[in-house]
Amino acid sequence: MGAHDAFLQDAYSRTLSEVVERTGPAVAAVRLRGAGDSGDALGGGSGFLFTPDGYVLTNSHVVRAGRPAATARPELRHQVSLADGREFDARWVGDDPDTDLAVLSIDGLSRGSLAHAPLGRSAGLKRGQIAIAIGNPLGFEHTVTAGIVSALGRSMRTSSGRMIPDVIQTDAALNPGNSGGPLLDSRGEVIGINTAIIRGAQSICFAVAVDIAGWVIPQLLQHGRVRRGYLGVAGQTQDMHRRVVLAYELPQSSGVRVMSVEPDSPAARVGVREGDVIVGLDGVAIASVDALHQALDASRVNRDCVLKVIRGVRTPAPMCFTVRPAEVLRT
């Protein structure tokens, strides 16, 4: 190895070491236990402090441990172990299964001076950038792996059935237990929250982009959940014939075919029928079920919205309905 190669290797090593030294103390082990001091361990993973006053960001599937309503079960409790060995009970603040994110709050310690990992930005990421993962894989606490950002703009379906957009793919090795830990850039800023691996594949791992977390966290702190709109339709993505697309001057080639309409739902009350194809909401083109989910955000809850549908091929123009989405309620 030449002197130049040795210098580059040392620079890379120094970067990793500095990031780990600065950010590692903010990474925690998160465990879900049953009632009492001797409660059985029911699951766990990783998390990290993102504020100096004890708020921990992790995955929804970590705090729920596969349970659809863990937040409603008083016999379950969360514990957080910090890098210095201290262990605390943690209070559930909120979680969002649709983005696989959750927030806990550490109780029982003086606040304001805890080591924490600063949230960065994911919008400007480029493939090939350094990606550093810290977590607690397989019970080995505060393990560090490094790689690169392999791909951007991936999507991933959660246990709730919804699609998370703008997922980061990395080759930084992740294992069971890494879920909820931070994915960091070379400045030590969080660019993603590690959430999934592809079993049987080599070095294909995924993280929820931190910009998604930046949208979710304030809602969890305020409401304990993410507010989303509900129309009351079941649908599937359907490609449309090119003649239909041209005839209606649509910017997309697919829409959402309504397979059923729930009685007395917002959609039913305005006259949406089975067989209609939803192609727009408030001027936003709707090309898929996932696009409709993303469009039905908190800004449209209990507010009049314009729903554009195609009903048969003989109508001269898409039909428009003024609909008021209700709020999705999830325990």
Protein backbone atom coordinates (compact mmCIF):
# COMPACT_ATOMS: atom_id res chain seq x y z
CA MET A 1 0.00 0.00 0.00
CA GLY A 2 1.39 3.37 -1.01
CA ALA A 3 1.67 6.39 1.23
CA HIS A 4 -1.29 8.06 -0.52
CA ASP A 5 -3.51 4.98 -0.03
CA ALA A 6 -2.50 4.78 3.61
CA PHE A 7 -3.38 8.46 4.06
CA LEU A 8 -6.82 7.95 2.49
CA GLN A 9 -7.47 4.93 4.66
CA ASP A 10 -6.49 6.84 7.75
CA ALA A 11 -8.77 9.73 6.74
CA TYR A 12 -11.68 7.32 6.26
CA SER A 13 -10.96 5.63 9.57
CA ARG A 14 -10.72 8.96 11.35
CA THR A 15 -14.07 10.04 9.91
CA LEU A 16 -15.78 6.88 11.11
CA SER A 17 -14.15 7.02 14.54
CA GLU A 18 -15.09 10.67 15.04
CA VAL A 19 -18.72 10.02 14.06
CA VAL A 20 -18.98 7.03 16.37
CA GLU A 21 -17.30 8.83 19.27
CA ARG A 22 -19.60 11.83 18.89
CA THR A 23 -22.88 10.04 18.13
CA GLY A 24 -22.48 6.59 19.71
CA PRO A 25 -23.51 7.74 23.23
CA ALA A 26 -26.92 8.75 21.81
CA VAL A 27 -27.71 5.23 20.58
CA ALA A 28 -29.81 3.09 22.90
CA ALA A 29 -31.18 -0.41 23.25
CA VAL A 30 -34.98 -0.48 23.38
CA ARG A 31 -36.75 -3.42 25.03
CA LEU A 32 -40.41 -4.28 25.48
CA ARG A 33 -41.20 -6.23 28.65
CA GLY A 34 -44.21 -7.62 30.46
CA ALA A 35 -45.53 -6.39 33.78
CA GLY A 36 -43.40 -6.24 36.93
CA ASP A 37 -39.69 -6.10 37.56
CA SER A 38 -39.26 -9.66 36.33
CA GLY A 39 -41.45 -9.22 33.26
CA ASP A 40 -40.51 -11.39 30.31
CA ALA A 41 -38.73 -9.76 27.39
CA LEU A 42 -41.25 -9.53 24.54
CA GLY A 43 -39.06 -7.92 21.91
CA GLY A 44 -36.69 -5.08 21.28
CA GLY A 45 -34.34 -3.30 18.98
CA SER A 46 -32.41 -0.07 18.75
CA GLY A 47 -33.24 3.61 19.06
CA PHE A 48 -31.48 6.91 19.57
CA LEU A 49 -31.91 10.14 21.48
CA PHE A 50 -32.68 12.96 19.05
CA THR A 51 -33.11 15.70 21.68
CA PRO A 52 -31.08 16.51 24.82
CA ASP A 53 -34.17 16.14 27.01
CA GLY A 54 -34.78 12.42 26.61
CA TYR A 55 -36.85 11.83 23.48
CA VAL A 56 -35.98 8.59 21.67
CA LEU A 57 -36.75 7.79 18.03
CA THR A 58 -37.14 4.15 17.02
CA ASN A 59 -39.33 1.88 14.86
CA SER A 60 -43.02 1.29 15.42
CA HIS A 61 -42.50 -2.46 15.09
CA VAL A 62 -39.91 -2.28 17.91
CA VAL A 63 -42.25 -0.62 20.42
CA ARG A 64 -45.20 -2.79 19.41
CA ALA A 65 -43.24 -6.05 19.10
CA GLY A 66 -45.74 -7.31 16.54
CA ARG A 67 -48.75 -6.32 18.64
CA PRO A 68 -51.38 -4.25 16.81
CA ALA A 69 -52.36 -2.31 19.93
CA ALA A 70 -49.37 -2.37 22.29
CA THR A 71 -50.08 1.20 23.33
CA ALA A 72 -53.40 0.15 24.83
CA ARG A 73 -51.94 -2.63 27.02
CA PRO A 74 -50.83 -1.37 30.47
CA GLU A 75 -49.09 -4.70 31.21
CA LEU A 76 -46.43 -3.86 28.63
CA ARG A 77 -43.59 -1.47 29.43
CA HIS A 78 -40.62 -0.08 27.56
CA GLN A 79 -37.04 0.09 28.78
CA VAL A 80 -34.17 2.06 27.29
CA SER A 81 -30.51 1.24 27.97
CA LEU A 82 -27.98 3.97 27.20
CA ALA A 83 -24.41 3.49 26.01
CA ASP A 84 -23.00 4.20 29.50
CA GLY A 85 -24.95 1.28 30.95
CA ARG A 86 -27.76 3.24 32.58
CA GLU A 87 -31.23 1.77 32.13
CA PHE A 88 -34.52 3.63 32.38
CA ASP A 89 -38.21 3.06 31.97
CA ALA A 90 -39.54 4.91 28.95
CA ARG A 91 -42.92 6.47 28.38
CA TRP A 92 -44.70 5.81 25.09
CA VAL A 93 -45.27 9.13 23.27
CA GLY A 94 -46.62 7.98 19.92
CA ASP A 95 -46.06 5.72 16.95
CA ASP A 96 -46.99 5.48 13.29
CA PRO A 97 -47.10 1.97 11.79
CA ASP A 98 -47.56 3.47 8.31
CA THR A 99 -44.01 4.88 8.37
CA ASP A 100 -42.67 2.41 10.97
CA LEU A 101 -41.59 5.22 13.33
CA ALA A 102 -42.16 5.73 17.05
CA VAL A 103 -41.15 8.15 19.81
CA LEU A 104 -40.48 7.28 23.47
CA SER A 105 -39.53 9.55 26.35
CA ILE A 106 -37.03 8.56 29.05
CA ASP A 107 -38.24 9.11 32.59
CA GLY A 108 -36.31 9.41 35.82
CA LEU A 109 -33.24 11.46 34.92
CA SER A 110 -32.20 15.09 34.78
CA ARG A 111 -32.97 16.46 31.35
CA GLY A 112 -31.29 18.94 29.09
CA SER A 113 -27.76 17.58 28.81
CA LEU A 114 -28.10 14.12 27.27
CA ALA A 115 -25.95 13.17 24.30
CA HIS A 116 -28.15 13.17 21.22
CA ALA A 117 -27.83 12.61 17.49
CA PRO A 118 -28.75 15.64 15.38
CA LEU A 119 -31.30 15.08 12.62
CA GLY A 120 -29.86 15.97 9.21
CA ARG A 121 -31.46 16.05 5.77
CA SER A 122 -32.07 13.23 3.31
CA ALA A 123 -33.24 15.31 0.35
CA GLY A 124 -29.70 16.06 -0.84
CA LEU A 125 -28.26 12.57 -0.49
CA LYS A 126 -26.35 11.03 -3.36
CA ARG A 127 -25.51 7.44 -4.14
CA GLY A 128 -22.02 6.57 -2.99
CA GLN A 129 -22.07 8.74 0.14
CA ILE A 130 -20.74 7.20 3.35
CA ALA A 131 -23.45 5.59 5.48
CA ILE A 132 -22.77 4.53 9.08
CA ALA A 133 -25.18 2.36 11.08
CA ILE A 134 -25.07 2.01 14.87
CA GLY A 135 -27.33 -0.37 16.73
CA ASN A 136 -27.72 -3.44 18.89
CA PRO A 137 -27.80 -6.40 16.49
CA LEU A 138 -28.45 -9.81 18.04
CA GLY A 139 -27.90 -8.36 21.52
CA PHE A 140 -24.39 -7.01 20.79
CA GLU A 141 -24.81 -3.46 22.01
CA HIS A 142 -23.52 -0.41 20.16
CA THR A 143 -22.20 -2.23 17.09
CA VAL A 144 -20.97 -0.09 14.21
CA THR A 145 -21.10 -0.96 10.51
CA ALA A 146 -20.24 1.26 7.57
CA GLY A 147 -20.92 1.33 3.86
CA ILE A 148 -22.45 3.62 1.30
CA VAL A 149 -25.84 4.87 0.18
CA SER A 150 -26.57 2.27 -2.50
CA ALA A 151 -29.82 3.67 -3.90
CA LEU A 152 -32.41 6.36 -3.25
CA GLY A 153 -36.13 6.69 -3.82
CA ARG A 154 -36.97 3.11 -2.95
CA SER A 155 -40.37 2.27 -1.49
CA MET A 156 -41.25 -0.31 1.14
CA ARG A 157 -44.57 -1.70 2.32
CA THR A 158 -45.18 -1.73 6.07
CA SER A 159 -47.16 -4.16 8.19
CA SER A 160 -50.14 -1.79 7.94
CA GLY A 161 -50.22 -2.24 4.15
CA ARG A 162 -49.18 1.29 3.29
CA MET A 163 -46.09 2.19 1.30
CA ILE A 164 -43.25 4.27 2.75
CA PRO A 165 -41.83 6.52 0.01
CA ASP A 166 -38.24 7.71 -0.45
CA VAL A 167 -36.62 4.82 1.43
CA ILE A 168 -32.81 4.77 1.53
CA GLN A 169 -31.01 1.59 0.47
CA THR A 170 -27.59 0.99 1.99
CA ASP A 171 -25.00 -1.78 2.13
CA ALA A 172 -24.06 -0.99 5.75
CA ALA A 173 -24.63 -4.41 7.30
CA LEU A 174 -27.78 -4.64 9.42
CA ASN A 175 -28.99 -7.53 11.52
CA PRO A 176 -32.03 -8.23 13.70
CA GLY A 177 -31.80 -5.72 16.53
CA ASN A 178 -30.49 -2.89 14.33
CA SER A 179 -34.07 -1.78 13.71
CA GLY A 180 -34.65 1.73 15.00
CA GLY A 181 -30.99 2.70 15.10
CA PRO A 182 -29.62 5.71 13.22
CA LEU A 183 -28.10 5.74 9.75
CA LEU A 184 -25.53 8.55 9.80
CA ASP A 185 -23.57 10.55 7.25
CA SER A 186 -19.90 11.53 7.51
CA ARG A 187 -20.82 14.60 9.60
CA GLY A 188 -22.53 12.44 12.22
CA GLU A 189 -26.01 13.66 11.29
CA VAL A 190 -28.93 11.23 11.06
CA ILE A 191 -29.99 10.64 7.45
CA GLY A 192 -32.26 7.65 8.08
CA ILE A 193 -33.75 5.27 10.63
CA ASN A 194 -32.74 1.66 9.99
CA THR A 195 -35.81 -0.47 9.55
CA ALA A 196 -35.44 -3.60 7.38
CA ILE A 197 -33.17 -6.10 5.72
CA ILE A 198 -33.77 -8.46 2.81
CA ARG A 199 -33.27 -11.93 4.24
CA GLY A 200 -31.06 -14.11 2.04
CA ALA A 201 -29.67 -11.11 0.14
CA GLN A 202 -26.21 -9.70 0.59
CA SER A 203 -25.89 -6.11 1.81
CA ILE A 204 -29.38 -4.91 0.90
CA CYS A 205 -30.73 -2.90 3.84
CA PHE A 206 -33.26 -0.11 4.13
CA ALA A 207 -33.78 3.00 6.24
CA VAL A 208 -36.70 5.41 6.51
CA ALA A 209 -35.48 8.79 5.25
CA VAL A 210 -34.99 11.36 8.00
CA ASP A 211 -37.09 13.90 6.08
CA ILE A 212 -40.06 11.53 6.54
CA ALA A 213 -39.24 11.39 10.26
CA GLY A 214 -39.11 15.19 10.36
CA TRP A 215 -42.72 15.24 9.16
CA VAL A 216 -43.88 12.46 11.49
CA ILE A 217 -42.19 13.47 14.78
CA PRO A 218 -44.13 16.73 15.42
CA GLN A 219 -47.43 14.89 14.91
CA LEU A 220 -46.43 12.11 17.30
CA LEU A 221 -45.40 14.67 19.92
CA GLN A 222 -48.69 16.55 19.55
CA HIS A 223 -51.24 13.82 18.85
CA GLY A 224 -49.52 10.49 19.58
CA ARG A 225 -50.28 9.47 16.01
CA VAL A 226 -50.18 10.79 12.45
CA ARG A 227 -53.49 12.19 11.30
CA ARG A 228 -54.63 10.86 7.91
CA GLY A 229 -57.76 11.18 5.83
CA TYR A 230 -60.31 8.46 5.07
CA LEU A 231 -62.71 8.23 2.10
CA GLY A 232 -64.29 4.85 2.74
CA VAL A 233 -63.41 3.12 -0.51
CA ALA A 234 -61.50 -0.05 -1.28
CA GLY A 235 -59.63 0.13 -4.57
CA GLN A 236 -56.83 -1.18 -6.70
CA THR A 237 -54.41 0.46 -9.09
CA GLN A 238 -55.58 0.09 -12.69
CA ASP A 239 -53.89 1.00 -15.97
CA MET A 240 -56.03 3.00 -18.37
CA HIS A 241 -56.19 2.66 -22.13
CA ARG A 242 -54.18 5.27 -23.96
CA ARG A 243 -57.31 6.52 -25.72
CA VAL A 244 -58.88 7.25 -22.33
CA VAL A 245 -55.77 9.08 -21.14
CA LEU A 246 -55.71 11.23 -24.28
CA ALA A 247 -59.45 11.83 -24.32
CA TYR A 248 -59.47 13.14 -20.76
CA GLU A 249 -56.05 14.85 -21.07
CA LEU A 250 -54.74 13.07 -18.00
CA PRO A 251 -51.10 13.49 -16.88
CA GLN A 252 -50.92 9.83 -15.77
CA SER A 253 -51.74 6.49 -17.35
CA SER A 254 -53.33 4.79 -14.33
CA GLY A 255 -55.78 5.47 -11.54
CA VAL A 256 -57.55 3.80 -8.62
CA ARG A 257 -60.52 1.62 -9.55
CA VAL A 258 -63.13 1.64 -6.77
CA MET A 259 -63.88 -1.97 -5.83
CA SER A 260 -66.31 -1.18 -3.01
CA VAL A 261 -67.72 1.78 -1.09
CA GLU A 262 -68.47 1.60 2.62
CA PRO A 263 -72.01 2.64 3.59
CA ASP A 264 -72.34 6.14 5.04
CA SER A 265 -68.66 6.89 4.35
CA PRO A 266 -67.48 10.25 2.99
CA ALA A 267 -67.27 8.75 -0.51
CA ALA A 268 -70.71 7.15 -0.28
CA ARG A 269 -72.34 10.38 0.87
CA VAL A 270 -71.22 12.27 -2.25
CA GLY A 271 -72.16 9.53 -4.71
CA VAL A 272 -68.91 7.69 -5.51
CA ARG A 273 -69.77 4.26 -6.94
CA GLU A 274 -68.15 0.89 -7.39
CA GLY A 275 -66.40 0.88 -10.77
CA ASP A 276 -65.44 4.56 -10.71
CA VAL A 277 -61.77 5.29 -11.36
CA ILE A 278 -60.24 7.95 -9.11
CA VAL A 279 -57.72 10.03 -11.06
CA GLY A 280 -57.27 13.17 -8.95
CA LEU A 281 -57.65 14.78 -5.53
CA ASP A 282 -57.44 18.55 -5.10
CA GLY A 283 -55.53 18.89 -8.37
CA VAL A 284 -53.04 16.14 -7.48
CA ALA A 285 -52.88 13.32 -10.02
CA ILE A 286 -53.76 9.97 -8.42
CA ALA A 287 -52.06 7.14 -10.31
CA SER A 288 -52.09 4.42 -7.64
CA VAL A 289 -53.51 3.35 -4.29
CA ASP A 290 -50.28 4.46 -2.64
CA ALA A 291 -50.57 7.91 -4.25
CA LEU A 292 -54.10 8.21 -2.86
CA HIS A 293 -52.87 7.25 0.62
CA GLN A 294 -50.14 9.90 0.46
CA ALA A 295 -52.57 12.56 -0.76
CA LEU A 296 -54.95 11.90 2.14
CA ASP A 297 -52.75 13.59 4.73
CA ALA A 298 -53.69 15.68 7.76
CA SER A 299 -54.22 18.80 5.65
CA ARG A 300 -57.29 17.19 4.07
CA VAL A 301 -58.97 15.84 7.20
CA ASN A 302 -62.46 17.34 7.69
CA ARG A 303 -61.90 19.77 4.81
CA ASP A 304 -63.78 20.00 1.50
CA CYS A 305 -61.68 18.41 -1.26
CA VAL A 306 -62.31 17.91 -4.96
CA LEU A 307 -62.26 14.24 -5.95
CA LYS A 308 -61.96 13.62 -9.70
CA VAL A 309 -63.25 10.32 -11.09
CA ILE A 310 -63.95 8.70 -14.45
CA ARG A 311 -67.27 6.89 -14.66
CA GLY A 312 -67.47 4.90 -17.87
CA VAL A 313 -65.89 5.83 -21.19
CA ARG A 314 -68.86 7.78 -22.56
CA THR A 315 -68.81 10.64 -20.06
CA PRO A 316 -67.51 13.80 -21.80
CA ALA A 317 -65.24 14.76 -18.89
CA PRO A 318 -64.12 13.42 -15.51
CA MET A 319 -66.72 13.87 -12.77
CA CYS A 320 -65.84 16.00 -9.75
CA PHE A 321 -67.21 15.43 -6.26
CA THR A 322 -66.74 17.69 -3.25
CA VAL A 323 -65.85 15.25 -0.49
CA ARG A 324 -64.81 15.82 3.14
CA PRO A 325 -62.38 13.05 4.25
CA ALA A 326 -62.83 11.85 7.81
CA GLU A 327 -59.89 11.06 10.09
CA VAL A 328 -58.47 7.56 10.25
CA LEU A 329 -58.60 6.40 13.86
CA ARG A 330 -56.13 3.71 14.90
CA THR A 331 -55.33 2.41 18.38
